[in-house]
N, C-alpha and C. Protein backbone atom coordinates (compact mmCIF):
# COMPACT_ATOMS: atom_id res chain seq x y z
N MET A 1 209.28 126.58 237.49
CA MET A 1 210.31 126.96 236.09
C MET A 1 209.73 127.36 234.96
N THR A 2 210.07 128.33 234.69
CA THR A 2 209.97 128.47 233.02
C THR A 2 211.05 127.95 231.95
N ARG A 3 210.40 127.55 231.12
CA ARG A 3 211.37 126.74 229.95
C ARG A 3 210.87 128.12 228.76
N GLN A 4 212.16 128.18 228.24
CA GLN A 4 211.95 129.04 227.10
C GLN A 4 211.91 128.04 226.08
N THR A 5 210.86 128.40 225.14
CA THR A 5 210.56 127.72 224.03
C THR A 5 209.78 128.66 222.89
N SER A 6 210.09 127.96 221.52
CA SER A 6 209.73 128.72 220.52
C SER A 6 209.34 127.33 219.39
N THR A 7 208.20 127.82 219.11
CA THR A 7 207.47 127.11 217.83
C THR A 7 207.59 127.54 216.42
N HIS A 8 207.33 126.73 215.32
CA HIS A 8 207.41 126.84 214.00
C HIS A 8 206.01 125.80 213.18
N HIS A 9 205.13 126.79 212.86
CA HIS A 9 204.31 125.73 211.99
C HIS A 9 204.36 125.97 210.67
N GLU A 10 204.60 125.04 209.95
CA GLU A 10 204.31 125.25 207.88
C GLU A 10 203.59 124.17 207.78
N VAL A 11 202.47 124.52 206.83
CA VAL A 11 201.47 123.74 206.09
C VAL A 11 201.98 123.81 204.53
N ARG A 12 201.57 122.96 203.99
CA ARG A 12 201.90 123.23 202.36
C ARG A 12 200.91 122.04 201.99
N GLY A 13 200.23 122.05 200.58
CA GLY A 13 199.60 121.18 200.06
C GLY A 13 199.60 121.18 198.51
N GLY A 14 199.06 120.22 197.89
CA GLY A 14 199.12 120.22 196.42
C GLY A 14 198.55 119.23 196.09
N CYS A 15 198.49 119.00 194.27
CA CYS A 15 197.77 118.06 193.57
C CYS A 15 198.52 117.46 192.94
N HIS A 16 198.73 116.00 192.96
CA HIS A 16 199.21 115.28 191.97
C HIS A 16 199.17 115.60 190.65
N VAL A 17 197.85 115.74 190.46
CA VAL A 17 197.35 115.57 188.72
C VAL A 17 197.85 116.97 188.25
N CYS A 18 197.63 118.23 189.05
CA CYS A 18 197.62 119.51 188.43
C CYS A 18 199.51 119.94 188.72
N LYS A 19 199.77 119.60 189.61
CA LYS A 19 201.18 120.39 189.70
C LYS A 19 202.16 119.31 190.26
N GLY A 20 202.01 118.18 190.19
CA GLY A 20 202.88 117.07 190.92
C GLY A 20 203.34 117.28 192.38
N ALA A 21 204.67 117.39 192.63
CA ALA A 21 204.94 117.37 194.07
C ALA A 21 205.55 118.92 194.16
N ARG A 22 204.83 119.80 193.84
CA ARG A 22 205.24 121.22 193.67
C ARG A 22 203.84 121.60 194.53
N PRO A 23 203.99 122.53 195.46
CA PRO A 23 202.95 122.66 196.48
C PRO A 23 202.33 123.91 195.83
N MET A 24 201.09 123.91 195.95
CA MET A 24 199.87 124.87 195.22
C MET A 24 199.55 125.78 196.47
N TRP A 25 199.26 125.56 197.82
CA TRP A 25 198.92 126.19 198.67
C TRP A 25 200.13 125.89 199.81
N THR A 26 200.00 127.28 200.97
CA THR A 26 200.51 127.11 201.73
C THR A 26 200.27 128.10 202.66
N GLY A 27 200.33 127.66 203.96
CA GLY A 27 199.99 128.54 205.40
C GLY A 27 198.86 127.69 205.75
N LYS A 28 197.93 128.57 206.71
CA LYS A 28 197.15 127.68 207.36
C LYS A 28 195.80 127.08 206.84
N ASN A 29 195.29 127.28 205.54
CA ASN A 29 194.23 126.80 205.04
C ASN A 29 194.55 125.69 203.97
N ALA A 30 196.43 125.37 204.03
CA ALA A 30 196.63 124.54 202.52
C ALA A 30 195.88 123.13 202.87
N LEU A 31 195.71 122.40 204.49
CA LEU A 31 194.97 121.45 204.31
C LEU A 31 193.69 121.35 203.81
N ALA A 32 192.98 122.21 204.24
CA ALA A 32 191.17 122.20 203.71
C ALA A 32 191.14 122.99 202.21
N LEU A 33 192.46 123.30 201.65
CA LEU A 33 192.17 123.73 200.17
C LEU A 33 192.48 122.10 199.53
N ALA A 34 193.36 121.52 200.06
CA ALA A 34 193.70 120.19 199.18
C ALA A 34 192.32 119.24 199.53
N ALA A 35 192.11 119.32 200.67
CA ALA A 35 190.61 118.30 200.66
C ALA A 35 189.22 118.93 199.77
N ARG A 36 189.23 120.41 199.50
CA ARG A 36 188.27 120.96 199.17
C ARG A 36 188.85 120.99 197.24
N HIS A 37 189.77 120.98 197.09
CA HIS A 37 190.26 120.67 195.64
C HIS A 37 189.73 118.97 195.17
N TYR A 38 190.28 117.81 195.93
CA TYR A 38 189.79 116.87 195.40
C TYR A 38 188.46 116.52 195.61
N ASP A 39 187.47 117.35 196.71
CA ASP A 39 186.06 117.08 196.25
C ASP A 39 185.36 117.48 194.93
N ALA A 40 186.38 119.35 194.88
CA ALA A 40 185.67 119.56 193.30
C ALA A 40 186.25 118.82 192.14
N THR A 41 187.37 118.01 192.63
CA THR A 41 187.72 117.40 190.75
C THR A 41 188.32 115.98 191.34
N GLY A 42 188.24 115.66 192.25
CA GLY A 42 188.59 113.73 191.80
C GLY A 42 189.79 113.88 192.36
N HIS A 43 190.89 114.95 191.90
CA HIS A 43 191.86 114.63 191.78
C HIS A 43 193.15 113.95 193.22
N GLN A 44 193.98 113.31 192.79
CA GLN A 44 194.68 112.99 194.30
C GLN A 44 195.59 114.26 194.93
N THR A 45 195.07 114.57 195.74
CA THR A 45 195.78 115.78 196.64
C THR A 45 196.50 115.19 198.16
N TRP A 46 197.70 116.19 197.99
CA TRP A 46 198.41 115.95 199.23
C TRP A 46 198.64 117.27 200.31
N ALA A 47 198.81 116.87 201.42
CA ALA A 47 199.15 117.73 202.51
C ALA A 47 200.44 117.60 203.10
N GLU A 48 201.40 118.46 203.81
CA GLU A 48 202.23 118.23 204.65
C GLU A 48 202.36 119.43 205.65
N GLN A 49 202.56 118.57 206.94
CA GLN A 49 202.00 119.80 208.21
C GLN A 49 203.49 119.45 208.98
N LEU A 50 204.20 120.57 209.10
CA LEU A 50 205.51 120.26 209.83
C LEU A 50 205.19 121.58 211.00
N LEU A 51 205.59 120.83 212.31
CA LEU A 51 205.58 121.36 213.52
C LEU A 51 206.88 121.01 214.28
N SER A 52 207.47 122.28 214.51
CA SER A 52 209.06 122.22 214.88
C SER A 52 208.94 123.17 216.57
N ILE A 53 209.58 122.45 217.42
CA ILE A 53 209.41 122.64 218.69
C ILE A 53 210.92 123.03 219.47
N THR A 54 211.59 124.12 219.61
CA THR A 54 212.97 124.72 220.17
C THR A 54 212.89 124.81 221.68
N TYR A 55 213.73 123.91 222.37
CA TYR A 55 213.56 124.36 223.80
C TYR A 55 215.15 125.05 224.10
N GLY A 56 215.05 126.46 224.56
CA GLY A 56 216.18 126.90 225.15
C GLY A 56 216.69 127.78 223.58
N ASP A 57 217.94 128.77 223.77
CA ASP A 57 217.83 129.71 223.11
C ASP A 57 219.60 129.20 222.34
N ALA A 58 219.42 129.25 221.24
CA ALA A 58 220.17 128.51 220.01
C ALA A 58 221.37 129.52 220.24
N GLY A 59 221.46 130.53 220.19
CA GLY A 59 222.03 131.92 219.58
C GLY A 59 222.05 132.45 218.68
N PRO A 60 222.97 133.16 218.12
CA PRO A 60 222.92 133.68 216.76
C PRO A 60 223.06 132.40 215.86
N ALA A 61 222.02 132.79 214.60
CA ALA A 61 221.78 131.87 213.32
C ALA A 61 223.22 131.83 212.49
N GLN A 62 223.64 130.98 212.29
CA GLN A 62 224.33 130.39 211.49
C GLN A 62 224.19 130.73 209.91
N PRO A 63 224.85 131.44 208.89
CA PRO A 63 224.49 131.47 207.38
C PRO A 63 224.28 130.15 206.75
N ASP A 64 223.28 129.77 206.14
CA ASP A 64 223.07 128.67 205.35
C ASP A 64 224.62 128.63 204.80
N MET A 65 224.77 126.77 204.53
CA MET A 65 225.87 126.90 203.68
C MET A 65 225.33 126.74 201.80
N PHE A 66 223.91 126.62 201.56
CA PHE A 66 223.69 126.50 200.30
C PHE A 66 222.10 127.30 200.35
N ALA A 67 222.13 128.08 199.24
CA ALA A 67 220.86 129.09 199.11
C ALA A 67 219.81 128.28 198.87
N GLU A 68 218.64 128.50 199.20
CA GLU A 68 217.16 127.83 199.11
C GLU A 68 217.13 128.01 197.46
N GLU A 69 216.39 126.50 196.65
CA GLU A 69 216.06 126.99 195.61
C GLU A 69 214.52 127.03 195.63
N ARG A 70 214.25 128.16 194.83
CA ARG A 70 212.21 128.17 195.00
C ARG A 70 211.65 127.90 193.62
N PRO A 71 210.93 127.17 193.90
CA PRO A 71 210.00 126.55 192.25
C PRO A 71 209.60 127.39 191.59
N CYS A 72 209.91 127.34 190.50
CA CYS A 72 209.39 128.23 189.43
C CYS A 72 207.75 128.26 189.46
N ALA A 73 207.35 129.63 188.91
CA ALA A 73 205.91 129.96 189.07
C ALA A 73 205.51 129.26 187.66
């Protein structure tokens, strides 16, 4: 039996001292960059990793009710 699956992986990290809760790094290297920033500065850093797994076909996507807000640069 084959099962239709799809995965989504998202990583982001930041520094509480430099930018608070706003991410400074995204993508595969975000965890390493957060650790390296801590080593270099001693600042408290954070990283979040999200792995989503979907089984089956959800059909056509529904439009979002609310547009995503993007943080200011």
